[in-house]
Amino acid sequence: MQARAETPPWLQLAAGTSALTSGAHATVLVDDVNVTVGTDGRARTVRRYAVRIHDSDGRDAAAVREVYVSGSGNVRSMRGWLLRRSNQTRELGGGNIVDAAPTTAQIGHRSGRVIVPTSWK
């Protein structure tokens, strides 16, 4: 993990949500995808995802995967933040990002209260 980070405004808003589904191990607070197509026909996708982890069984929800086609697409960047109960925010570093196959990239962390991966394609 990297040093303490500033929390993006959209994440602050999501983290302030008191969402608890009875019996759920994790609750998705935001799962938003925005696609824009430029005048050159190239698409740019921005995904924002925030999940509150309620217990250790919800850890798998703290990962996001972006699928792309090699040769015609790529993941330009991925950022993630870990918000702890103590209100400390840490930005996840490159060690938390894996290009698992020629067509998949993912980010995640297995502990903490809220994890928020954001990716751009």
PDB file of N, CA and C in Angstrom:
ATOM      1  N   MET A   1       0.834  -1.178   0.000  1.00  0.00           N
ATOM      2  CA  MET A   1       0.000   0.000   0.000  1.00  0.00           C
ATOM      3  C   MET A   1       0.874   1.234   0.000  1.00  0.00           C
ATOM      4  N   GLN A   2       0.366   2.302  -0.601  1.00  0.00           N
ATOM      5  CA  GLN A   2       1.081   3.549  -0.628  1.00  0.00           C
ATOM      6  C   GLN A   2       0.672   4.404   0.563  1.00  0.00           C
ATOM      7  N   ALA A   3       1.249   5.568   0.631  1.00  0.00           N
ATOM      8  CA  ALA A   3       0.970   6.480   1.730  1.00  0.00           C
ATOM      9  C   ALA A   3      -0.478   6.946   1.712  1.00  0.00           C
ATOM     10  N   ARG A   4      -0.838   7.627   2.772  1.00  0.00           N
ATOM     11  CA  ARG A   4      -2.184   8.169   2.918  1.00  0.00           C
ATOM     12  C   ARG A   4      -2.585   8.951   1.670  1.00  0.00           C
ATOM     13  N   ALA A   5      -3.825   8.829   1.261  1.00  0.00           N
ATOM     14  CA  ALA A   5      -4.295   9.453   0.022  1.00  0.00           C
ATOM     15  C   ALA A   5      -5.529  10.293   0.286  1.00  0.00           C
ATOM     16  N   GLU A   6      -5.745  11.243  -0.609  1.00  0.00           N
ATOM     17  CA  GLU A   6      -6.973  12.024  -0.578  1.00  0.00           C
ATOM     18  C   GLU A   6      -8.104  11.178  -1.144  1.00  0.00           C
ATOM     19  N   THR A   7      -9.247  11.263  -0.543  1.00  0.00           N
ATOM     20  CA  THR A   7     -10.407  10.504  -1.000  1.00  0.00           C
ATOM     21  C   THR A   7     -11.149  11.311  -2.060  1.00  0.00           C
ATOM     22  N   PRO A   8     -11.381  10.730  -3.242  1.00  0.00           N
ATOM     23  CA  PRO A   8     -12.140  11.457  -4.277  1.00  0.00           C
ATOM     24  C   PRO A   8     -13.547  11.785  -3.774  1.00  0.00           C
ATOM     25  N   PRO A   9     -14.120  12.908  -4.221  1.00  0.00           N
ATOM     26  CA  PRO A   9     -15.457  13.315  -3.752  1.00  0.00           C
ATOM     27  C   PRO A   9     -16.526  12.246  -3.957  1.00  0.00           C
ATOM     28  N   TRP A  10     -16.525  11.552  -5.096  1.00  0.00           N
ATOM     29  CA  TRP A  10     -17.555  10.543  -5.342  1.00  0.00           C
ATOM     30  C   TRP A  10     -17.433   9.393  -4.352  1.00  0.00           C
ATOM     31  N   LEU A  11     -16.203   9.103  -3.915  1.00  0.00           N
ATOM     32  CA  LEU A  11     -15.980   8.054  -2.927  1.00  0.00           C
ATOM     33  C   LEU A  11     -16.429   8.502  -1.544  1.00  0.00           C
ATOM     34  N   GLN A  12     -16.174   9.761  -1.208  1.00  0.00           N
ATOM     35  CA  GLN A  12     -16.631  10.289   0.074  1.00  0.00           C
ATOM     36  C   GLN A  12     -18.147  10.167   0.186  1.00  0.00           C
ATOM     37  N   LEU A  13     -18.828  10.495  -0.901  1.00  0.00           N
ATOM     38  CA  LEU A  13     -20.285  10.399  -0.922  1.00  0.00           C
ATOM     39  C   LEU A  13     -20.740   8.952  -0.741  1.00  0.00           C
ATOM     40  N   ALA A  14     -20.116   8.023  -1.474  1.00  0.00           N
ATOM     41  CA  ALA A  14     -20.481   6.600  -1.374  1.00  0.00           C
ATOM     42  C   ALA A  14     -20.177   6.047   0.003  1.00  0.00           C
ATOM     43  N   ALA A  15     -19.037   6.410   0.565  1.00  0.00           N
ATOM     44  CA  ALA A  15     -18.636   5.884   1.870  1.00  0.00           C
ATOM     45  C   ALA A  15     -19.557   6.375   2.973  1.00  0.00           C
ATOM     46  N   GLY A  16     -20.209   7.520   2.770  1.00  0.00           N
ATOM     47  CA  GLY A  16     -21.142   8.051   3.754  1.00  0.00           C
ATOM     48  C   GLY A  16     -22.480   7.337   3.755  1.00  0.00           C
ATOM     49  N   THR A  17     -22.686   6.473   2.786  1.00  0.00           N
ATOM     50  CA  THR A  17     -23.934   5.717   2.688  1.00  0.00           C
ATOM     51  C   THR A  17     -23.955   4.633   3.757  1.00  0.00           C
ATOM     52  N   SER A  18     -25.023   4.564   4.509  1.00  0.00           N
ATOM     53  CA  SER A  18     -25.123   3.523   5.528  1.00  0.00           C
ATOM     54  C   SER A  18     -25.985   2.396   4.984  1.00  0.00           C
ATOM     55  N   ALA A  19     -25.385   1.612   4.117  1.00  0.00           N
ATOM     56  CA  ALA A  19     -26.110   0.509   3.487  1.00  0.00           C
ATOM     57  C   ALA A  19     -25.694  -0.804   4.129  1.00  0.00           C
ATOM     58  N   LEU A  20     -26.652  -1.509   4.675  1.00  0.00           N
ATOM     59  CA  LEU A  20     -26.389  -2.832   5.222  1.00  0.00           C
ATOM     60  C   LEU A  20     -27.574  -3.711   4.865  1.00  0.00           C
ATOM     61  N   THR A  21     -27.303  -4.700   4.063  1.00  0.00           N
ATOM     62  CA  THR A  21     -28.332  -5.655   3.699  1.00  0.00           C
ATOM     63  C   THR A  21     -28.263  -6.785   4.699  1.00  0.00           C
ATOM     64  N   SER A  22     -29.367  -7.127   5.290  1.00  0.00           N
ATOM     65  CA  SER A  22     -29.401  -8.151   6.326  1.00  0.00           C
ATOM     66  C   SER A  22     -28.768  -9.448   5.835  1.00  0.00           C
ATOM     67  N   GLY A  23     -27.767  -9.904   6.552  1.00  0.00           N
ATOM     68  CA  GLY A  23     -27.111 -11.163   6.227  1.00  0.00           C
ATOM     69  C   GLY A  23     -26.062 -11.071   5.141  1.00  0.00           C
ATOM     70  N   ALA A  24     -25.886  -9.896   4.544  1.00  0.00           N
ATOM     71  CA  ALA A  24     -24.912  -9.749   3.459  1.00  0.00           C
ATOM     72  C   ALA A  24     -23.500  -9.647   4.024  1.00  0.00           C
ATOM     73  N   HIS A  25     -22.550 -10.225   3.311  1.00  0.00           N
ATOM     74  CA  HIS A  25     -21.142 -10.146   3.702  1.00  0.00           C
ATOM     75  C   HIS A  25     -20.498  -8.885   3.141  1.00  0.00           C
ATOM     76  N   ALA A  26     -21.094  -8.325   2.080  1.00  0.00           N
ATOM     77  CA  ALA A  26     -20.608  -7.102   1.457  1.00  0.00           C
ATOM     78  C   ALA A  26     -21.787  -6.401   0.789  1.00  0.00           C
ATOM     79  N   THR A  27     -21.694  -5.093   0.679  1.00  0.00           N
ATOM     80  CA  THR A  27     -22.730  -4.304   0.022  1.00  0.00           C
ATOM     81  C   THR A  27     -22.078  -3.399  -1.020  1.00  0.00           C
ATOM     82  N   VAL A  28     -22.511  -3.498  -2.266  1.00  0.00           N
ATOM     83  CA  VAL A  28     -22.001  -2.626  -3.327  1.00  0.00           C
ATOM     84  C   VAL A  28     -22.662  -1.262  -3.154  1.00  0.00           C
ATOM     85  N   LEU A  29     -21.828  -0.228  -3.006  1.00  0.00           N
ATOM     86  CA  LEU A  29     -22.319   1.131  -2.822  1.00  0.00           C
ATOM     87  C   LEU A  29     -22.415   1.877  -4.146  1.00  0.00           C
ATOM     88  N   VAL A  30     -21.469   1.621  -5.044  1.00  0.00           N
ATOM     89  CA  VAL A  30     -21.443   2.253  -6.371  1.00  0.00           C
ATOM     90  C   VAL A  30     -20.922   1.224  -7.363  1.00  0.00           C
ATOM     91  N   ASP A  31     -21.583   1.109  -8.492  1.00  0.00           N
ATOM     92  CA  ASP A  31     -21.064   0.340  -9.627  1.00  0.00           C
ATOM     93  C   ASP A  31     -21.539   1.077 -10.869  1.00  0.00           C
ATOM     94  N   ASP A  32     -20.732   2.033 -11.296  1.00  0.00           N
ATOM     95  CA  ASP A  32     -21.109   2.963 -12.345  1.00  0.00           C
ATOM     96  C   ASP A  32     -20.135   2.843 -13.505  1.00  0.00           C
ATOM     97  N   VAL A  33     -20.659   2.760 -14.721  1.00  0.00           N
ATOM     98  CA  VAL A  33     -19.837   2.707 -15.922  1.00  0.00           C
ATOM     99  C   VAL A  33     -20.262   3.844 -16.836  1.00  0.00           C
ATOM    100  N   ASN A  34     -19.281   4.628 -17.284  1.00  0.00           N
ATOM    101  CA  ASN A  34     -19.538   5.741 -18.184  1.00  0.00           C
ATOM    102  C   ASN A  34     -18.694   5.538 -19.434  1.00  0.00           C
ATOM    103  N   VAL A  35     -19.347   5.433 -20.589  1.00  0.00           N
ATOM    104  CA  VAL A  35     -18.648   5.241 -21.857  1.00  0.00           C
ATOM    105  C   VAL A  35     -18.865   6.475 -22.718  1.00  0.00           C
ATOM    106  N   THR A  36     -17.762   7.047 -23.212  1.00  0.00           N
ATOM    107  CA  THR A  36     -17.854   8.156 -24.149  1.00  0.00           C
ATOM    108  C   THR A  36     -17.108   7.764 -25.414  1.00  0.00           C
ATOM    109  N   VAL A  37     -17.662   8.168 -26.542  1.00  0.00           N
ATOM    110  CA  VAL A  37     -17.043   7.878 -27.829  1.00  0.00           C
ATOM    111  C   VAL A  37     -16.597   9.202 -28.431  1.00  0.00           C
ATOM    112  N   GLY A  38     -15.300   9.288 -28.729  1.00  0.00           N
ATOM    113  CA  GLY A  38     -14.739  10.504 -29.305  1.00  0.00           C
ATOM    114  C   GLY A  38     -15.053  10.629 -30.775  1.00  0.00           C
ATOM    115  N   THR A  39     -14.714  11.767 -31.337  1.00  0.00           N
ATOM    116  CA  THR A  39     -14.959  12.006 -32.760  1.00  0.00           C
ATOM    117  C   THR A  39     -14.141  11.063 -33.635  1.00  0.00           C
ATOM    118  N   ASP A  40     -13.072  10.498 -33.072  1.00  0.00           N
ATOM    119  CA  ASP A  40     -12.259   9.535 -33.824  1.00  0.00           C
ATOM    120  C   ASP A  40     -12.815   8.117 -33.747  1.00  0.00           C
ATOM    121  N   GLY A  41     -13.935   7.955 -33.034  1.00  0.00           N
ATOM    122  CA  GLY A  41     -14.569   6.644 -32.917  1.00  0.00           C
ATOM    123  C   GLY A  41     -14.036   5.787 -31.782  1.00  0.00           C
ATOM    124  N   ARG A  42     -13.062   6.294 -31.053  1.00  0.00           N
ATOM    125  CA  ARG A  42     -12.496   5.524 -29.940  1.00  0.00           C
ATOM    126  C   ARG A  42     -13.355   5.705 -28.697  1.00  0.00           C
ATOM    127  N   ALA A  43     -13.615   4.594 -28.036  1.00  0.00           N
ATOM    128  CA  ALA A  43     -14.425   4.618 -26.822  1.00  0.00           C
ATOM    129  C   ALA A  43     -13.520   4.726 -25.605  1.00  0.00           C
ATOM    130  N   ARG A  44     -13.958   5.491 -24.632  1.00  0.00           N
ATOM    131  CA  ARG A  44     -13.275   5.591 -23.347  1.00  0.00           C
ATOM    132  C   ARG A  44     -14.279   5.202 -22.279  1.00  0.00           C
ATOM    133  N   THR A  45     -13.904   4.229 -21.484  1.00  0.00           N
ATOM    134  CA  THR A  45     -14.777   3.724 -20.432  1.00  0.00           C
ATOM    135  C   THR A  45     -14.176   4.063 -19.077  1.00  0.00           C
ATOM    136  N   VAL A  46     -14.983   4.642 -18.202  1.00  0.00           N
ATOM    137  CA  VAL A  46     -14.569   4.899 -16.823  1.00  0.00           C
ATOM    138  C   VAL A  46     -15.535   4.136 -15.929  1.00  0.00           C
ATOM    139  N   ARG A  47     -14.981   3.313 -15.050  1.00  0.00           N
ATOM    140  CA  ARG A  47     -15.816   2.547 -14.123  1.00  0.00           C
ATOM    141  C   ARG A  47     -15.472   2.949 -12.706  1.00  0.00           C
ATOM    142  N   ARG A  48     -16.504   3.187 -11.928  1.00  0.00           N
ATOM    143  CA  ARG A  48     -16.347   3.481 -10.499  1.00  0.00           C
ATOM    144  C   ARG A  48     -17.105   2.405  -9.737  1.00  0.00           C
ATOM    145  N   TYR A  49     -16.412   1.838  -8.772  1.00  0.00           N
ATOM    146  CA  TYR A  49     -16.977   0.724  -8.008  1.00  0.00           C
ATOM    147  C   TYR A  49     -16.568   0.892  -6.555  1.00  0.00           C
ATOM    148  N   ALA A  50     -17.535   0.857  -5.673  1.00  0.00           N
ATOM    149  CA  ALA A  50     -17.256   0.941  -4.238  1.00  0.00           C
ATOM    150  C   ALA A  50     -18.065  -0.131  -3.530  1.00  0.00           C
ATOM    151  N   VAL A  51     -17.432  -0.830  -2.612  1.00  0.00           N
ATOM    152  CA  VAL A  51     -18.105  -1.885  -1.875  1.00  0.00           C
ATOM    153  C   VAL A  51     -17.729  -1.795  -0.407  1.00  0.00           C
ATOM    154  N   ARG A  52     -18.697  -1.975   0.440  1.00  0.00           N
ATOM    155  CA  ARG A  52     -18.444  -2.029   1.885  1.00  0.00           C
ATOM    156  C   ARG A  52     -18.386  -3.497   2.282  1.00  0.00           C
ATOM    157  N   ILE A  53     -17.287  -3.886   2.892  1.00  0.00           N
ATOM    158  CA  ILE A  53     -17.080  -5.259   3.332  1.00  0.00           C
ATOM    159  C   ILE A  53     -17.536  -5.348   4.788  1.00  0.00           C
ATOM    160  N   HIS A  54     -18.496  -6.225   5.066  1.00  0.00           N
ATOM    161  CA  HIS A  54     -19.044  -6.346   6.420  1.00  0.00           C
ATOM    162  C   HIS A  54     -18.303  -7.373   7.264  1.00  0.00           C
ATOM    163  N   ASP A  55     -17.773  -8.394   6.622  1.00  0.00           N
ATOM    164  CA  ASP A  55     -17.028  -9.416   7.356  1.00  0.00           C
ATOM    165  C   ASP A  55     -16.071 -10.117   6.400  1.00  0.00           C
ATOM    166  N   SER A  56     -15.271 -11.016   6.910  1.00  0.00           N
ATOM    167  CA  SER A  56     -14.224 -11.648   6.086  1.00  0.00           C
ATOM    168  C   SER A  56     -14.797 -12.448   4.914  1.00  0.00           C
ATOM    169  N   ASP A  57     -16.025 -12.913   5.013  1.00  0.00           N
ATOM    170  CA  ASP A  57     -16.624 -13.651   3.899  1.00  0.00           C
ATOM    171  C   ASP A  57     -16.942 -12.750   2.703  1.00  0.00           C
ATOM    172  N   GLY A  58     -16.924 -11.441   2.902  1.00  0.00           N
ATOM    173  CA  GLY A  58     -17.208 -10.508   1.820  1.00  0.00           C
ATOM    174  C   GLY A  58     -15.977 -10.022   1.083  1.00  0.00           C
ATOM    175  N   ARG A  59     -14.812 -10.544   1.432  1.00  0.00           N
ATOM    176  CA  ARG A  59     -13.554 -10.061   0.843  1.00  0.00           C
ATOM    177  C   ARG A  59     -13.496 -10.187  -0.673  1.00  0.00           C
ATOM    178  N   ASP A  60     -14.080 -11.233  -1.228  1.00  0.00           N
ATOM    179  CA  ASP A  60     -14.002 -11.424  -2.680  1.00  0.00           C
ATOM    180  C   ASP A  60     -14.718 -10.314  -3.446  1.00  0.00           C
ATOM    181  N   ALA A  61     -15.631  -9.605  -2.801  1.00  0.00           N
ATOM    182  CA  ALA A  61     -16.318  -8.491  -3.463  1.00  0.00           C
ATOM    183  C   ALA A  61     -15.389  -7.290  -3.615  1.00  0.00           C
ATOM    184  N   ALA A  62     -14.258  -7.328  -2.935  1.00  0.00           N
ATOM    185  CA  ALA A  62     -13.304  -6.209  -2.962  1.00  0.00           C
ATOM    186  C   ALA A  62     -12.326  -6.341  -4.122  1.00  0.00           C
ATOM    187  N   ALA A  63     -12.823  -6.722  -5.261  1.00  0.00           N
ATOM    188  CA  ALA A  63     -11.997  -6.812  -6.460  1.00  0.00           C
ATOM    189  C   ALA A  63     -12.852  -6.435  -7.657  1.00  0.00           C
ATOM    190  N   VAL A  64     -12.223  -5.854  -8.626  1.00  0.00           N
ATOM    191  CA  VAL A  64     -12.915  -5.509  -9.863  1.00  0.00           C
ATOM    192  C   VAL A  64     -12.062  -6.000 -11.017  1.00  0.00           C
ATOM    193  N   ARG A  65     -12.720  -6.446 -12.051  1.00  0.00           N
ATOM    194  CA  ARG A  65     -12.017  -6.933 -13.228  1.00  0.00           C
ATOM    195  C   ARG A  65     -12.504  -6.169 -14.449  1.00  0.00           C
ATOM    196  N   GLU A  66     -11.573  -5.804 -15.293  1.00  0.00           N
ATOM    197  CA  GLU A  66     -11.900  -5.148 -16.552  1.00  0.00           C
ATOM    198  C   GLU A  66     -11.409  -6.047 -17.671  1.00  0.00           C
ATOM    199  N   VAL A  67     -12.281  -6.381 -18.568  1.00  0.00           N
ATOM    200  CA  VAL A  67     -11.943  -7.254 -19.690  1.00  0.00           C
ATOM    201  C   VAL A  67     -11.792  -6.397 -20.932  1.00  0.00           C
ATOM    202  N   TYR A  68     -10.769  -6.684 -21.711  1.00  0.00           N
ATOM    203  CA  TYR A  68     -10.536  -5.950 -22.946  1.00  0.00           C
ATOM    204  C   TYR A  68      -9.982  -6.895 -23.997  1.00  0.00           C
ATOM    205  N   VAL A  69     -10.047  -6.478 -25.234  1.00  0.00           N
ATOM    206  CA  VAL A  69      -9.557  -7.283 -26.347  1.00  0.00           C
ATOM    207  C   VAL A  69      -8.165  -6.802 -26.698  1.00  0.00           C
ATOM    208  N   SER A  70      -7.174  -7.686 -26.609  1.00  0.00           N
ATOM    209  CA  SER A  70      -5.791  -7.329 -26.945  1.00  0.00           C
ATOM    210  C   SER A  70      -5.717  -6.854 -28.385  1.00  0.00           C
ATOM    211  N   GLY A  71      -4.935  -5.827 -28.607  1.00  0.00           N
ATOM    212  CA  GLY A  71      -4.768  -5.305 -29.953  1.00  0.00           C
ATOM    213  C   GLY A  71      -5.734  -4.193 -30.291  1.00  0.00           C
ATOM    214  N   SER A  72      -6.929  -4.215 -29.703  1.00  0.00           N
ATOM    215  CA  SER A  72      -7.881  -3.149 -29.996  1.00  0.00           C
ATOM    216  C   SER A  72      -8.285  -2.380 -28.749  1.00  0.00           C
ATOM    217  N   GLY A  73      -7.835  -2.821 -27.587  1.00  0.00           N
ATOM    218  CA  GLY A  73      -8.172  -2.138 -26.356  1.00  0.00           C
ATOM    219  C   GLY A  73      -7.064  -2.312 -25.340  1.00  0.00           C
ATOM    220  N   ASN A  74      -7.124  -1.519 -24.297  1.00  0.00           N
ATOM    221  CA  ASN A  74      -6.192  -1.667 -23.196  1.00  0.00           C
ATOM    222  C   ASN A  74      -6.768  -0.988 -21.961  1.00  0.00           C
ATOM    223  N   VAL A  75      -6.178  -1.259 -20.839  1.00  0.00           N
ATOM    224  CA  VAL A  75      -6.526  -0.569 -19.607  1.00  0.00           C
ATOM    225  C   VAL A  75      -5.423   0.447 -19.384  1.00  0.00           C
ATOM    226  N   ARG A  76      -5.767   1.722 -19.505  1.00  0.00           N
ATOM    227  CA  ARG A  76      -4.757   2.775 -19.377  1.00  0.00           C
ATOM    228  C   ARG A  76      -4.311   2.955 -17.946  1.00  0.00           C
ATOM    229  N   SER A  77      -5.232   2.864 -17.008  1.00  0.00           N
ATOM    230  CA  SER A  77      -4.860   2.993 -15.603  1.00  0.00           C
ATOM    231  C   SER A  77      -5.946   2.397 -14.730  1.00  0.00           C
ATOM    232  N   MET A  78      -5.536   2.013 -13.538  1.00  0.00           N
ATOM    233  CA  MET A  78      -6.471   1.542 -12.516  1.00  0.00           C
ATOM    234  C   MET A  78      -6.019   2.161 -11.199  1.00  0.00           C
ATOM    235  N   ARG A  79      -6.970   2.641 -10.449  1.00  0.00           N
ATOM    236  CA  ARG A  79      -6.670   3.205  -9.134  1.00  0.00           C
ATOM    237  C   ARG A  79      -7.630   2.582  -8.137  1.00  0.00           C
ATOM    238  N   GLY A  80      -7.170   2.422  -6.931  1.00  0.00           N
ATOM    239  CA  GLY A  80      -8.014   1.880  -5.889  1.00  0.00           C
ATOM    240  C   GLY A  80      -7.678   2.516  -4.552  1.00  0.00           C
ATOM    241  N   TRP A  81      -8.679   2.618  -3.699  1.00  0.00           N
ATOM    242  CA  TRP A  81      -8.489   3.187  -2.370  1.00  0.00           C
ATOM    243  C   TRP A  81      -9.048   2.233  -1.340  1.00  0.00           C
ATOM    244  N   LEU A  82      -8.407   2.179  -0.217  1.00  0.00           N
ATOM    245  CA  LEU A  82      -8.857   1.389   0.915  1.00  0.00           C
ATOM    246  C   LEU A  82      -9.209   2.359   2.033  1.00  0.00           C
ATOM    247  N   LEU A  83     -10.467   2.341   2.457  1.00  0.00           N
ATOM    248  CA  LEU A  83     -10.910   3.199   3.548  1.00  0.00           C
ATOM    249  C   LEU A  83     -11.079   2.324   4.779  1.00  0.00           C
ATOM    250  N   ARG A  84     -10.418   2.682   5.829  1.00  0.00           N
ATOM    251  CA  ARG A  84     -10.503   1.907   7.072  1.00  0.00           C
ATOM    252  C   ARG A  84     -11.538   2.531   8.006  1.00  0.00           C
ATOM    253  N   ARG A  85     -11.953   1.755   8.985  1.00  0.00           N
ATOM    254  CA  ARG A  85     -12.926   2.261   9.962  1.00  0.00           C
ATOM    255  C   ARG A  85     -12.413   3.508  10.667  1.00  0.00           C
ATOM    256  N   SER A  86     -11.099   3.642  10.784  1.00  0.00           N
ATOM    257  CA  SER A  86     -10.486   4.789  11.455  1.00  0.00           C
ATOM    258  C   SER A  86     -10.495   6.043  10.578  1.00  0.00           C
ATOM    259  N   ASN A  87     -11.162   5.976   9.415  1.00  0.00           N
ATOM    260  CA  ASN A  87     -11.237   7.065   8.440  1.00  0.00           C
ATOM    261  C   ASN A  87      -9.911   7.337   7.745  1.00  0.00           C
ATOM    262  N   GLN A  88      -8.960   6.447   7.875  1.00  0.00           N
ATOM    263  CA  GLN A  88      -7.727   6.558   7.112  1.00  0.00           C
ATOM    264  C   GLN A  88      -7.999   6.057   5.697  1.00  0.00           C
ATOM    265  N   THR A  89      -7.433   6.754   4.718  1.00  0.00           N
ATOM    266  CA  THR A  89      -7.566   6.368   3.320  1.00  0.00           C
ATOM    267  C   THR A  89      -6.185   6.081   2.768  1.00  0.00           C
ATOM    268  N   ARG A  90      -6.052   4.961   2.097  1.00  0.00           N
ATOM    269  CA  ARG A  90      -4.798   4.623   1.434  1.00  0.00           C
ATOM    270  C   ARG A  90      -5.091   4.281  -0.013  1.00  0.00           C
ATOM    271  N   GLU A  91      -4.249   4.810  -0.887  1.00  0.00           N
ATOM    272  CA  GLU A  91      -4.382   4.462  -2.293  1.00  0.00           C
ATOM    273  C   GLU A  91      -3.613   3.174  -2.525  1.00  0.00           C
ATOM    274  N   LEU A  92      -4.238   2.222  -3.185  1.00  0.00           N
ATOM    275  CA  LEU A  92      -3.582   0.953  -3.475  1.00  0.00           C
ATOM    276  C   LEU A  92      -2.549   1.161  -4.568  1.00  0.00           C
ATOM    277  N   GLY A  93      -1.407   0.538  -4.403  1.00  0.00           N
ATOM    278  CA  GLY A  93      -0.322   0.691  -5.354  1.00  0.00           C
ATOM    279  C   GLY A  93      -0.334  -0.370  -6.428  1.00  0.00           C
ATOM    280  N   GLY A  94       0.684  -0.324  -7.272  1.00  0.00           N
ATOM    281  CA  GLY A  94       0.796  -1.243  -8.396  1.00  0.00           C
ATOM    282  C   GLY A  94       0.852  -2.700  -7.995  1.00  0.00           C
ATOM    283  N   GLY A  95       1.280  -2.990  -6.778  1.00  0.00           N
ATOM    284  CA  GLY A  95       1.328  -4.372  -6.308  1.00  0.00           C
ATOM    285  C   GLY A  95      -0.048  -4.994  -6.154  1.00  0.00           C
ATOM    286  N   ASN A  96      -1.092  -4.163  -6.175  1.00  0.00           N
ATOM    287  CA  ASN A  96      -2.453  -4.653  -6.067  1.00  0.00           C
ATOM    288  C   ASN A  96      -3.140  -4.776  -7.417  1.00  0.00           C
ATOM    289  N   ILE A  97      -2.429  -4.467  -8.490  1.00  0.00           N
ATOM    290  CA  ILE A  97      -2.990  -4.532  -9.841  1.00  0.00           C
ATOM    291  C   ILE A  97      -2.316  -5.669 -10.585  1.00  0.00           C
ATOM    292  N   VAL A  98      -3.135  -6.520 -11.180  1.00  0.00           N
ATOM    293  CA  VAL A  98      -2.625  -7.688 -11.883  1.00  0.00           C
ATOM    294  C   VAL A  98      -3.213  -7.723 -13.278  1.00  0.00           C
ATOM    295  N   ASP A  99      -2.360  -7.860 -14.287  1.00  0.00           N
ATOM    296  CA  ASP A  99      -2.843  -8.140 -15.634  1.00  0.00           C
ATOM    297  C   ASP A  99      -2.793  -9.659 -15.733  1.00  0.00           C
ATOM    298  N   ALA A 100      -3.899 -10.296 -15.370  1.00  0.00           N
ATOM    299  CA  ALA A 100      -3.940 -11.741 -15.150  1.00  0.00           C
ATOM    300  C   ALA A 100      -3.872 -12.557 -16.429  1.00  0.00           C
ATOM    301  N   ALA A 101      -4.245 -11.985 -17.532  1.00  0.00           N
ATOM    302  CA  ALA A 101      -4.228 -12.684 -18.821  1.00  0.00           C
ATOM    303  C   ALA A 101      -4.132 -11.616 -19.897  1.00  0.00           C
ATOM    304  N   PRO A 102      -3.889 -11.992 -21.130  1.00  0.00           N
ATOM    305  CA  PRO A 102      -3.794 -10.972 -22.172  1.00  0.00           C
ATOM    306  C   PRO A 102      -5.047 -10.126 -22.324  1.00  0.00           C
ATOM    307  N   THR A 103      -6.173 -10.563 -21.775  1.00  0.00           N
ATOM    308  CA  THR A 103      -7.408  -9.808 -21.970  1.00  0.00           C
ATOM    309  C   THR A 103      -8.078  -9.370 -20.677  1.00  0.00           C
ATOM    310  N   THR A 104      -7.404  -9.473 -19.530  1.00  0.00           N
ATOM    311  CA  THR A 104      -8.043  -9.131 -18.270  1.00  0.00           C
ATOM    312  C   THR A 104      -7.091  -8.355 -17.373  1.00  0.00           C
ATOM    313  N   ALA A 105      -7.594  -7.350 -16.697  1.00  0.00           N
ATOM    314  CA  ALA A 105      -6.836  -6.655 -15.660  1.00  0.00           C
ATOM    315  C   ALA A 105      -7.728  -6.583 -14.440  1.00  0.00           C
ATOM    316  N   GLN A 106      -7.149  -6.678 -13.259  1.00  0.00           N
ATOM    317  CA  GLN A 106      -7.971  -6.636 -12.049  1.00  0.00           C
ATOM    318  C   GLN A 106      -7.228  -5.927 -10.940  1.00  0.00           C
ATOM    319  N   ILE A 107      -7.997  -5.407  -9.988  1.00  0.00           N
ATOM    320  CA  ILE A 107      -7.447  -4.757  -8.811  1.00  0.00           C
ATOM    321  C   ILE A 107      -8.256  -5.209  -7.618  1.00  0.00           C
ATOM    322  N   GLY A 108      -7.606  -5.327  -6.498  1.00  0.00           N
ATOM    323  CA  GLY A 108      -8.349  -5.710  -5.312  1.00  0.00           C
ATOM    324  C   GLY A 108      -7.479  -5.738  -4.085  1.00  0.00           C
ATOM    325  N   HIS A 109      -8.116  -5.856  -2.952  1.00  0.00           N
ATOM    326  CA  HIS A 109      -7.440  -5.957  -1.672  1.00  0.00           C
ATOM    327  C   HIS A 109      -8.325  -6.807  -0.784  1.00  0.00           C
ATOM    328  N   ARG A 110      -7.736  -7.598   0.082  1.00  0.00           N
ATOM    329  CA  ARG A 110      -8.513  -8.576   0.823  1.00  0.00           C
ATOM    330  C   ARG A 110      -8.852  -8.154   2.244  1.00  0.00           C
ATOM    331  N   SER A 111      -8.669  -6.896   2.606  1.00  0.00           N
ATOM    332  CA  SER A 111      -9.052  -6.476   3.942  1.00  0.00           C
ATOM    333  C   SER A 111      -9.557  -5.045   3.905  1.00  0.00           C
ATOM    334  N   GLY A 112     -10.199  -4.642   4.960  1.00  0.00           N
ATOM    335  CA  GLY A 112     -10.631  -3.259   5.063  1.00  0.00           C
ATOM    336  C   GLY A 112     -12.129  -3.101   4.962  1.00  0.00           C
ATOM    337  N   ARG A 113     -12.574  -1.890   5.160  1.00  0.00           N
ATOM    338  CA  ARG A 113     -13.993  -1.600   5.231  1.00  0.00           C
ATOM    339  C   ARG A 113     -14.593  -1.294   3.875  1.00  0.00           C
ATOM    340  N   VAL A 114     -13.990  -0.410   3.132  1.00  0.00           N
ATOM    341  CA  VAL A 114     -14.508  -0.042   1.813  1.00  0.00           C
ATOM    342  C   VAL A 114     -13.337  -0.083   0.845  1.00  0.00           C
ATOM    343  N   ILE A 115     -13.530  -0.721  -0.277  1.00  0.00           N
ATOM    344  CA  ILE A 115     -12.500  -0.698  -1.316  1.00  0.00           C
ATOM    345  C   ILE A 115     -13.111  -0.127  -2.578  1.00  0.00           C
ATOM    346  N   VAL A 116     -12.370   0.712  -3.245  1.00  0.00           N
ATOM    347  CA  VAL A 116     -12.920   1.424  -4.366  1.00  0.00           C
ATOM    348  C   VAL A 116     -11.965   1.405  -5.540  1.00  0.00           C
ATOM    349  N   PRO A 117     -12.072   0.401  -6.378  1.00  0.00           N
ATOM    350  CA  PRO A 117     -11.284   0.445  -7.598  1.00  0.00           C
ATOM    351  C   PRO A 117     -11.948   1.329  -8.638  1.00  0.00           C
ATOM    352  N   THR A 118     -11.165   2.097  -9.327  1.00  0.00           N
ATOM    353  CA  THR A 118     -11.649   2.908 -10.439  1.00  0.00           C
ATOM    354  C   THR A 118     -10.742   2.629 -11.604  1.00  0.00           C
ATOM    355  N   SER A 119     -11.296   2.368 -12.760  1.00  0.00           N
ATOM    356  CA  SER A 119     -10.457   2.035 -13.903  1.00  0.00           C
ATOM    357  C   SER A 119     -10.861   2.877 -15.101  1.00  0.00           C
ATOM    358  N   TRP A 120      -9.884   3.074 -15.976  1.00  0.00           N
ATOM    359  CA  TRP A 120     -10.109   3.765 -17.222  1.00  0.00           C
ATOM    360  C   TRP A 120      -9.621   2.892 -18.350  1.00  0.00           C
ATOM    361  N   LYS A 121     -10.427   2.782 -19.399  1.00  0.00           N
ATOM    362  CA  LYS A 121     -10.003   2.044 -20.598  1.00  0.00           C
ATOM    363  C   LYS A 121      -9.947   3.016 -21.739  1.00  0.00           C
TER     364      LYS A 121
END
